[in-house]
């Protein structure tokens, strides 16, 4: 487990400018990024025991974050 949040800019540094442009010009991507940010904050809060969860719940959050990150990466590559 990491105490460092998985921010999109850190996960995809090569797409920082593109992500900024898409957040402004593409409502779908903006929603995707906001949903990721919200989920990522929940994972980080659980991992740091700010908002503890049962282990299976935390694992589920991390899996959902990974799937969402994959979706964002695919979107970035396609657009």
PDB file of N, CA and C in Angstrom:
ATOM      1  N   UNK A   1       0.829  -1.186   0.000  1.00  0.00           N
ATOM      2  CA  UNK A   1       0.000   0.000   0.000  1.00  0.00           C
ATOM      3  C   UNK A   1       0.871   1.245   0.000  1.00  0.00           C
ATOM      4  N   UNK A   2       0.399   2.234  -0.657  1.00  0.00           N
ATOM      5  CA  UNK A   2       1.159   3.465  -0.798  1.00  0.00           C
ATOM      6  C   UNK A   2       0.484   4.603  -0.043  1.00  0.00           C
ATOM      7  N   UNK A   3       1.295   5.454   0.521  1.00  0.00           N
ATOM      8  CA  UNK A   3       0.755   6.646   1.156  1.00  0.00           C
ATOM      9  C   UNK A   3       0.762   7.828   0.200  1.00  0.00           C
ATOM     10  N   UNK A   4       1.128   7.574  -1.024  1.00  0.00           N
ATOM     11  CA  UNK A   4       1.156   8.620  -2.031  1.00  0.00           C
ATOM     12  C   UNK A   4      -0.061   8.477  -2.931  1.00  0.00           C
ATOM     13  N   UNK A   5      -0.851   9.535  -3.054  1.00  0.00           N
ATOM     14  CA  UNK A   5      -2.006   9.432  -3.952  1.00  0.00           C
ATOM     15  C   UNK A   5      -1.565   9.234  -5.404  1.00  0.00           C
ATOM     16  N   UNK A   6      -2.354   8.516  -6.148  1.00  0.00           N
ATOM     17  CA  UNK A   6      -2.059   8.231  -7.554  1.00  0.00           C
ATOM     18  C   UNK A   6      -2.724   9.291  -8.439  1.00  0.00           C
ATOM     19  N   UNK A   7      -2.218  10.498  -8.387  1.00  0.00           N
ATOM     20  CA  UNK A   7      -2.790  11.577  -9.193  1.00  0.00           C
ATOM     21  C   UNK A   7      -2.524  11.312 -10.675  1.00  0.00           C
ATOM     22  N   UNK A   8      -3.455  11.738 -11.517  1.00  0.00           N
ATOM     23  CA  UNK A   8      -3.329  11.463 -12.950  1.00  0.00           C
ATOM     24  C   UNK A   8      -2.068  12.076 -13.547  1.00  0.00           C
ATOM     25  N   UNK A   9      -1.688  13.256 -13.114  1.00  0.00           N
ATOM     26  CA  UNK A   9      -0.483  13.896 -13.653  1.00  0.00           C
ATOM     27  C   UNK A   9       0.762  13.066 -13.338  1.00  0.00           C
ATOM     28  N   UNK A  10       0.783  12.417 -12.183  1.00  0.00           N
ATOM     29  CA  UNK A  10       1.918  11.568 -11.816  1.00  0.00           C
ATOM     30  C   UNK A  10       1.861  10.229 -12.537  1.00  0.00           C
ATOM     31  N   UNK A  11       0.649   9.736 -12.766  1.00  0.00           N
ATOM     32  CA  UNK A  11       0.480   8.451 -13.451  1.00  0.00           C
ATOM     33  C   UNK A  11       0.801   8.557 -14.940  1.00  0.00           C
ATOM     34  N   UNK A  12       0.434   9.674 -15.547  1.00  0.00           N
ATOM     35  CA  UNK A  12       0.617   9.865 -16.988  1.00  0.00           C
ATOM     36  C   UNK A  12       1.310  11.198 -17.271  1.00  0.00           C
ATOM     37  N   UNK A  13       2.565  11.351 -16.856  1.00  0.00           N
ATOM     38  CA  UNK A  13       3.239  12.644 -17.039  1.00  0.00           C
ATOM     39  C   UNK A  13       3.361  13.060 -18.506  1.00  0.00           C
ATOM     40  N   UNK A  14       3.395  12.081 -19.399  1.00  0.00           N
ATOM     41  CA  UNK A  14       3.518  12.404 -20.825  1.00  0.00           C
ATOM     42  C   UNK A  14       2.229  12.990 -21.402  1.00  0.00           C
ATOM     43  N   UNK A  15       1.127  12.907 -20.639  1.00  0.00           N
ATOM     44  CA  UNK A  15      -0.166  13.395 -21.119  1.00  0.00           C
ATOM     45  C   UNK A  15      -0.690  14.587 -20.318  1.00  0.00           C
ATOM     46  N   UNK A  16       0.152  15.228 -19.530  1.00  0.00           N
ATOM     47  CA  UNK A  16      -0.319  16.317 -18.662  1.00  0.00           C
ATOM     48  C   UNK A  16      -1.008  17.413 -19.471  1.00  0.00           C
ATOM     49  N   UNK A  17      -0.370  17.881 -20.522  1.00  0.00           N
ATOM     50  CA  UNK A  17      -0.967  18.947 -21.336  1.00  0.00           C
ATOM     51  C   UNK A  17      -2.254  18.478 -22.007  1.00  0.00           C
ATOM     52  N   UNK A  18      -2.232  17.275 -22.539  1.00  0.00           N
ATOM     53  CA  UNK A  18      -3.407  16.729 -23.211  1.00  0.00           C
ATOM     54  C   UNK A  18      -4.568  16.581 -22.227  1.00  0.00           C
ATOM     55  N   UNK A  19      -4.281  16.129 -20.999  1.00  0.00           N
ATOM     56  CA  UNK A  19      -5.340  15.984 -19.996  1.00  0.00           C
ATOM     57  C   UNK A  19      -5.948  17.344 -19.675  1.00  0.00           C
ATOM     58  N   UNK A  20      -5.110  18.344 -19.553  1.00  0.00           N
ATOM     59  CA  UNK A  20      -5.631  19.687 -19.266  1.00  0.00           C
ATOM     60  C   UNK A  20      -6.545  20.159 -20.401  1.00  0.00           C
ATOM     61  N   UNK A  21      -6.102  19.981 -21.630  1.00  0.00           N
ATOM     62  CA  UNK A  21      -6.905  20.385 -22.784  1.00  0.00           C
ATOM     63  C   UNK A  21      -8.233  19.634 -22.824  1.00  0.00           C
ATOM     64  N   UNK A  22      -8.189  18.328 -22.582  1.00  0.00           N
ATOM     65  CA  UNK A  22      -9.408  17.524 -22.623  1.00  0.00           C
ATOM     66  C   UNK A  22     -10.367  17.870 -21.482  1.00  0.00           C
ATOM     67  N   UNK A  23      -9.840  18.200 -20.316  1.00  0.00           N
ATOM     68  CA  UNK A  23     -10.713  18.585 -19.202  1.00  0.00           C
ATOM     69  C   UNK A  23     -11.517  19.835 -19.547  1.00  0.00           C
ATOM     70  N   UNK A  24     -10.930  20.699 -20.353  1.00  0.00           N
ATOM     71  CA  UNK A  24     -11.591  21.945 -20.739  1.00  0.00           C
ATOM     72  C   UNK A  24     -12.525  21.741 -21.933  1.00  0.00           C
ATOM     73  N   UNK A  25     -12.128  20.879 -22.873  1.00  0.00           N
ATOM     74  CA  UNK A  25     -12.864  20.786 -24.135  1.00  0.00           C
ATOM     75  C   UNK A  25     -13.764  19.551 -24.270  1.00  0.00           C
ATOM     76  N   UNK A  26     -13.610  18.566 -23.411  1.00  0.00           N
ATOM     77  CA  UNK A  26     -14.318  17.300 -23.567  1.00  0.00           C
ATOM     78  C   UNK A  26     -15.043  16.950 -22.263  1.00  0.00           C
ATOM     79  N   UNK A  27     -16.359  17.098 -22.276  1.00  0.00           N
ATOM     80  CA  UNK A  27     -17.140  16.865 -21.057  1.00  0.00           C
ATOM     81  C   UNK A  27     -17.013  15.429 -20.558  1.00  0.00           C
ATOM     82  N   UNK A  28     -16.946  14.484 -21.473  1.00  0.00           N
ATOM     83  CA  UNK A  28     -16.812  13.083 -21.073  1.00  0.00           C
ATOM     84  C   UNK A  28     -15.493  12.866 -20.324  1.00  0.00           C
ATOM     85  N   UNK A  29     -14.413  13.389 -20.885  1.00  0.00           N
ATOM     86  CA  UNK A  29     -13.127  13.222 -20.223  1.00  0.00           C
ATOM     87  C   UNK A  29     -13.089  13.970 -18.897  1.00  0.00           C
ATOM     88  N   UNK A  30     -13.659  15.147 -18.859  1.00  0.00           N
ATOM     89  CA  UNK A  30     -13.693  15.918 -17.605  1.00  0.00           C
ATOM     90  C   UNK A  30     -14.403  15.127 -16.511  1.00  0.00           C
ATOM     91  N   UNK A  31     -15.514  14.471 -16.860  1.00  0.00           N
ATOM     92  CA  UNK A  31     -16.257  13.661 -15.889  1.00  0.00           C
ATOM     93  C   UNK A  31     -15.441  12.442 -15.475  1.00  0.00           C
ATOM     94  N   UNK A  32     -14.797  11.816 -16.420  1.00  0.00           N
ATOM     95  CA  UNK A  32     -13.951  10.664 -16.141  1.00  0.00           C
ATOM     96  C   UNK A  32     -12.828  11.046 -15.173  1.00  0.00           C
ATOM     97  N   UNK A  33     -12.176  12.158 -15.436  1.00  0.00           N
ATOM     98  CA  UNK A  33     -11.084  12.615 -14.576  1.00  0.00           C
ATOM     99  C   UNK A  33     -11.594  12.968 -13.181  1.00  0.00           C
ATOM    100  N   UNK A  34     -12.739  13.596 -13.094  1.00  0.00           N
ATOM    101  CA  UNK A  34     -13.312  13.958 -11.790  1.00  0.00           C
ATOM    102  C   UNK A  34     -13.706  12.702 -11.016  1.00  0.00           C
ATOM    103  N   UNK A  35     -14.304  11.727 -11.684  1.00  0.00           N
ATOM    104  CA  UNK A  35     -14.670  10.473 -11.031  1.00  0.00           C
ATOM    105  C   UNK A  35     -13.420   9.742 -10.529  1.00  0.00           C
ATOM    106  N   UNK A  36     -12.359   9.752 -11.347  1.00  0.00           N
ATOM    107  CA  UNK A  36     -11.103   9.128 -10.924  1.00  0.00           C
ATOM    108  C   UNK A  36     -10.562   9.833  -9.683  1.00  0.00           C
ATOM    109  N   UNK A  37     -10.560  11.149  -9.716  1.00  0.00           N
ATOM    110  CA  UNK A  37     -10.043  11.935  -8.595  1.00  0.00           C
ATOM    111  C   UNK A  37     -10.805  11.603  -7.307  1.00  0.00           C
ATOM    112  N   UNK A  38     -12.109  11.533  -7.395  1.00  0.00           N
ATOM    113  CA  UNK A  38     -12.940  11.216  -6.230  1.00  0.00           C
ATOM    114  C   UNK A  38     -12.635   9.802  -5.704  1.00  0.00           C
ATOM    115  N   UNK A  39     -12.560   8.841  -6.596  1.00  0.00           N
ATOM    116  CA  UNK A  39     -12.253   7.470  -6.203  1.00  0.00           C
ATOM    117  C   UNK A  39     -10.842   7.374  -5.631  1.00  0.00           C
ATOM    118  N   UNK A  40      -9.907   8.059  -6.242  1.00  0.00           N
ATOM    119  CA  UNK A  40      -8.532   8.055  -5.777  1.00  0.00           C
ATOM    120  C   UNK A  40      -8.424   8.610  -4.355  1.00  0.00           C
ATOM    121  N   UNK A  41      -9.171   9.645  -4.065  1.00  0.00           N
ATOM    122  CA  UNK A  41      -9.179  10.217  -2.710  1.00  0.00           C
ATOM    123  C   UNK A  41      -9.723   9.210  -1.694  1.00  0.00           C
ATOM    124  N   UNK A  42     -10.733   8.453  -2.085  1.00  0.00           N
ATOM    125  CA  UNK A  42     -11.277   7.424  -1.189  1.00  0.00           C
ATOM    126  C   UNK A  42     -10.230   6.343  -0.913  1.00  0.00           C
ATOM    127  N   UNK A  43      -9.529   5.929  -1.955  1.00  0.00           N
ATOM    128  CA  UNK A  43      -8.486   4.912  -1.787  1.00  0.00           C
ATOM    129  C   UNK A  43      -7.397   5.448  -0.866  1.00  0.00           C
ATOM    130  N   UNK A  44      -6.955   6.648  -1.129  1.00  0.00           N
ATOM    131  CA  UNK A  44      -5.885   7.232  -0.320  1.00  0.00           C
ATOM    132  C   UNK A  44      -6.313   7.369   1.141  1.00  0.00           C
ATOM    133  N   UNK A  45      -7.542   7.809   1.375  1.00  0.00           N
ATOM    134  CA  UNK A  45      -8.050   7.937   2.749  1.00  0.00           C
ATOM    135  C   UNK A  45      -8.103   6.583   3.438  1.00  0.00           C
ATOM    136  N   UNK A  46      -8.464   5.546   2.711  1.00  0.00           N
ATOM    137  CA  UNK A  46      -8.514   4.203   3.289  1.00  0.00           C
ATOM    138  C   UNK A  46      -7.108   3.694   3.585  1.00  0.00           C
ATOM    139  N   UNK A  47      -6.187   3.897   2.645  1.00  0.00           N
ATOM    140  CA  UNK A  47      -4.821   3.399   2.815  1.00  0.00           C
ATOM    141  C   UNK A  47      -4.089   4.083   3.964  1.00  0.00           C
ATOM    142  N   UNK A  48      -4.404   5.324   4.224  1.00  0.00           N
ATOM    143  CA  UNK A  48      -3.721   6.072   5.287  1.00  0.00           C
ATOM    144  C   UNK A  48      -4.503   6.042   6.595  1.00  0.00           C
ATOM    145  N   UNK A  49      -5.590   5.275   6.612  1.00  0.00           N
ATOM    146  CA  UNK A  49      -6.454   5.132   7.793  1.00  0.00           C
ATOM    147  C   UNK A  49      -7.129   6.427   8.224  1.00  0.00           C
ATOM    148  N   UNK A  50      -7.247   7.368   7.319  1.00  0.00           N
ATOM    149  CA  UNK A  50      -8.033   8.567   7.578  1.00  0.00           C
ATOM    150  C   UNK A  50      -9.508   8.184   7.593  1.00  0.00           C
ATOM    151  N   UNK A  51      -9.869   7.303   6.664  1.00  0.00           N
ATOM    152  CA  UNK A  51     -11.224   6.754   6.589  1.00  0.00           C
ATOM    153  C   UNK A  51     -11.088   5.247   6.405  1.00  0.00           C
ATOM    154  N   UNK A  52     -10.755   4.530   7.479  1.00  0.00           N
ATOM    155  CA  UNK A  52     -10.506   3.090   7.359  1.00  0.00           C
ATOM    156  C   UNK A  52     -11.705   2.324   6.803  1.00  0.00           C
ATOM    157  N   UNK A  53     -11.402   1.264   6.087  1.00  0.00           N
ATOM    158  CA  UNK A  53     -12.422   0.379   5.508  1.00  0.00           C
ATOM    159  C   UNK A  53     -12.001  -1.052   5.780  1.00  0.00           C
ATOM    160  N   UNK A  54     -12.949  -1.955   5.635  1.00  0.00           N
ATOM    161  CA  UNK A  54     -12.595  -3.364   5.689  1.00  0.00           C
ATOM    162  C   UNK A  54     -11.672  -3.663   4.517  1.00  0.00           C
ATOM    163  N   UNK A  55     -10.819  -4.636   4.688  1.00  0.00           N
ATOM    164  CA  UNK A  55      -9.805  -4.929   3.681  1.00  0.00           C
ATOM    165  C   UNK A  55     -10.403  -5.201   2.303  1.00  0.00           C
ATOM    166  N   UNK A  56     -11.461  -5.993   2.234  1.00  0.00           N
ATOM    167  CA  UNK A  56     -12.066  -6.301   0.930  1.00  0.00           C
ATOM    168  C   UNK A  56     -12.641  -5.064   0.265  1.00  0.00           C
ATOM    169  N   UNK A  57     -13.181  -4.170   1.047  1.00  0.00           N
ATOM    170  CA  UNK A  57     -13.712  -2.921   0.504  1.00  0.00           C
ATOM    171  C   UNK A  57     -12.584  -2.064  -0.064  1.00  0.00           C
ATOM    172  N   UNK A  58     -11.477  -2.024   0.657  1.00  0.00           N
ATOM    173  CA  UNK A  58     -10.321  -1.257   0.180  1.00  0.00           C
ATOM    174  C   UNK A  58      -9.752  -1.863  -1.099  1.00  0.00           C
ATOM    175  N   UNK A  59      -9.675  -3.182  -1.144  1.00  0.00           N
ATOM    176  CA  UNK A  59      -9.184  -3.875  -2.339  1.00  0.00           C
ATOM    177  C   UNK A  59     -10.102  -3.571  -3.526  1.00  0.00           C
ATOM    178  N   UNK A  60     -11.409  -3.584  -3.289  1.00  0.00           N
ATOM    179  CA  UNK A  60     -12.364  -3.271  -4.350  1.00  0.00           C
ATOM    180  C   UNK A  60     -12.153  -1.854  -4.869  1.00  0.00           C
ATOM    181  N   UNK A  61     -11.943  -0.903  -3.975  1.00  0.00           N
ATOM    182  CA  UNK A  61     -11.684   0.478  -4.398  1.00  0.00           C
ATOM    183  C   UNK A  61     -10.433   0.553  -5.265  1.00  0.00           C
ATOM    184  N   UNK A  62      -9.379  -0.140  -4.864  1.00  0.00           N
ATOM    185  CA  UNK A  62      -8.138  -0.114  -5.641  1.00  0.00           C
ATOM    186  C   UNK A  62      -8.334  -0.750  -7.023  1.00  0.00           C
ATOM    187  N   UNK A  63      -9.116  -1.818  -7.095  1.00  0.00           N
ATOM    188  CA  UNK A  63      -9.396  -2.451  -8.389  1.00  0.00           C
ATOM    189  C   UNK A  63     -10.184  -1.512  -9.290  1.00  0.00           C
ATOM    190  N   UNK A  64     -11.174  -0.838  -8.714  1.00  0.00           N
ATOM    191  CA  UNK A  64     -11.971   0.118  -9.491  1.00  0.00           C
ATOM    192  C   UNK A  64     -11.095   1.270  -9.977  1.00  0.00           C
ATOM    193  N   UNK A  65     -10.177   1.736  -9.114  1.00  0.00           N
ATOM    194  CA  UNK A  65      -9.268   2.813  -9.515  1.00  0.00           C
ATOM    195  C   UNK A  65      -8.386   2.345 -10.668  1.00  0.00           C
ATOM    196  N   UNK A  66      -7.877   1.120 -10.588  1.00  0.00           N
ATOM    197  CA  UNK A  66      -7.042   0.587 -11.664  1.00  0.00           C
ATOM    198  C   UNK A  66      -7.789   0.491 -12.981  1.00  0.00           C
ATOM    199  N   UNK A  67      -9.023   0.018 -12.918  1.00  0.00           N
ATOM    200  CA  UNK A  67      -9.841  -0.084 -14.135  1.00  0.00           C
ATOM    201  C   UNK A  67     -10.124   1.297 -14.717  1.00  0.00           C
ATOM    202  N   UNK A  68     -10.383   2.250 -13.840  1.00  0.00           N
ATOM    203  CA  UNK A  68     -10.663   3.607 -14.312  1.00  0.00           C
ATOM    204  C   UNK A  68      -9.400   4.229 -14.919  1.00  0.00           C
ATOM    205  N   UNK A  69      -8.253   3.946 -14.317  1.00  0.00           N
ATOM    206  CA  UNK A  69      -6.991   4.448 -14.859  1.00  0.00           C
ATOM    207  C   UNK A  69      -6.737   3.854 -16.244  1.00  0.00           C
ATOM    208  N   UNK A  70      -7.046   2.574 -16.421  1.00  0.00           N
ATOM    209  CA  UNK A  70      -6.911   1.940 -17.736  1.00  0.00           C
ATOM    210  C   UNK A  70      -7.824   2.605 -18.758  1.00  0.00           C
ATOM    211  N   UNK A  71      -9.045   2.913 -18.343  1.00  0.00           N
ATOM    212  CA  UNK A  71     -10.001   3.578 -19.233  1.00  0.00           C
ATOM    213  C   UNK A  71      -9.496   4.961 -19.630  1.00  0.00           C
ATOM    214  N   UNK A  72      -8.965   5.690 -18.676  1.00  0.00           N
ATOM    215  CA  UNK A  72      -8.431   7.032 -18.960  1.00  0.00           C
ATOM    216  C   UNK A  72      -7.240   6.933 -19.909  1.00  0.00           C
ATOM    217  N   UNK A  73      -6.359   5.975 -19.674  1.00  0.00           N
ATOM    218  CA  UNK A  73      -5.196   5.813 -20.553  1.00  0.00           C
ATOM    219  C   UNK A  73      -5.641   5.500 -21.983  1.00  0.00           C
ATOM    220  N   UNK A  74      -6.594   4.604 -22.124  1.00  0.00           N
ATOM    221  CA  UNK A  74      -7.102   4.266 -23.462  1.00  0.00           C
ATOM    222  C   UNK A  74      -7.709   5.488 -24.133  1.00  0.00           C
ATOM    223  N   UNK A  75      -8.431   6.301 -23.361  1.00  0.00           N
ATOM    224  CA  UNK A  75      -9.045   7.510 -23.897  1.00  0.00           C
ATOM    225  C   UNK A  75      -7.974   8.491 -24.357  1.00  0.00           C
ATOM    226  N   UNK A  76      -6.927   8.638 -23.551  1.00  0.00           N
ATOM    227  CA  UNK A  76      -5.846   9.543 -23.905  1.00  0.00           C
ATOM    228  C   UNK A  76      -5.124   9.089 -25.172  1.00  0.00           C
ATOM    229  N   UNK A  77      -4.928   7.799 -25.312  1.00  0.00           N
ATOM    230  CA  UNK A  77      -4.245   7.270 -26.508  1.00  0.00           C
ATOM    231  C   UNK A  77      -5.103   7.430 -27.767  1.00  0.00           C
ATOM    232  N   UNK A  78      -6.419   7.345 -27.602  1.00  0.00           N
ATOM    233  CA  UNK A  78      -7.323   7.403 -28.754  1.00  0.00           C
ATOM    234  C   UNK A  78      -7.611   8.823 -29.214  1.00  0.00           C
ATOM    235  N   UNK A  79      -7.470   9.774 -28.320  1.00  0.00           N
ATOM    236  CA  UNK A  79      -7.852  11.152 -28.671  1.00  0.00           C
ATOM    237  C   UNK A  79      -6.668  12.038 -28.857  1.00  0.00           C
TER     238      UNK A  79
END
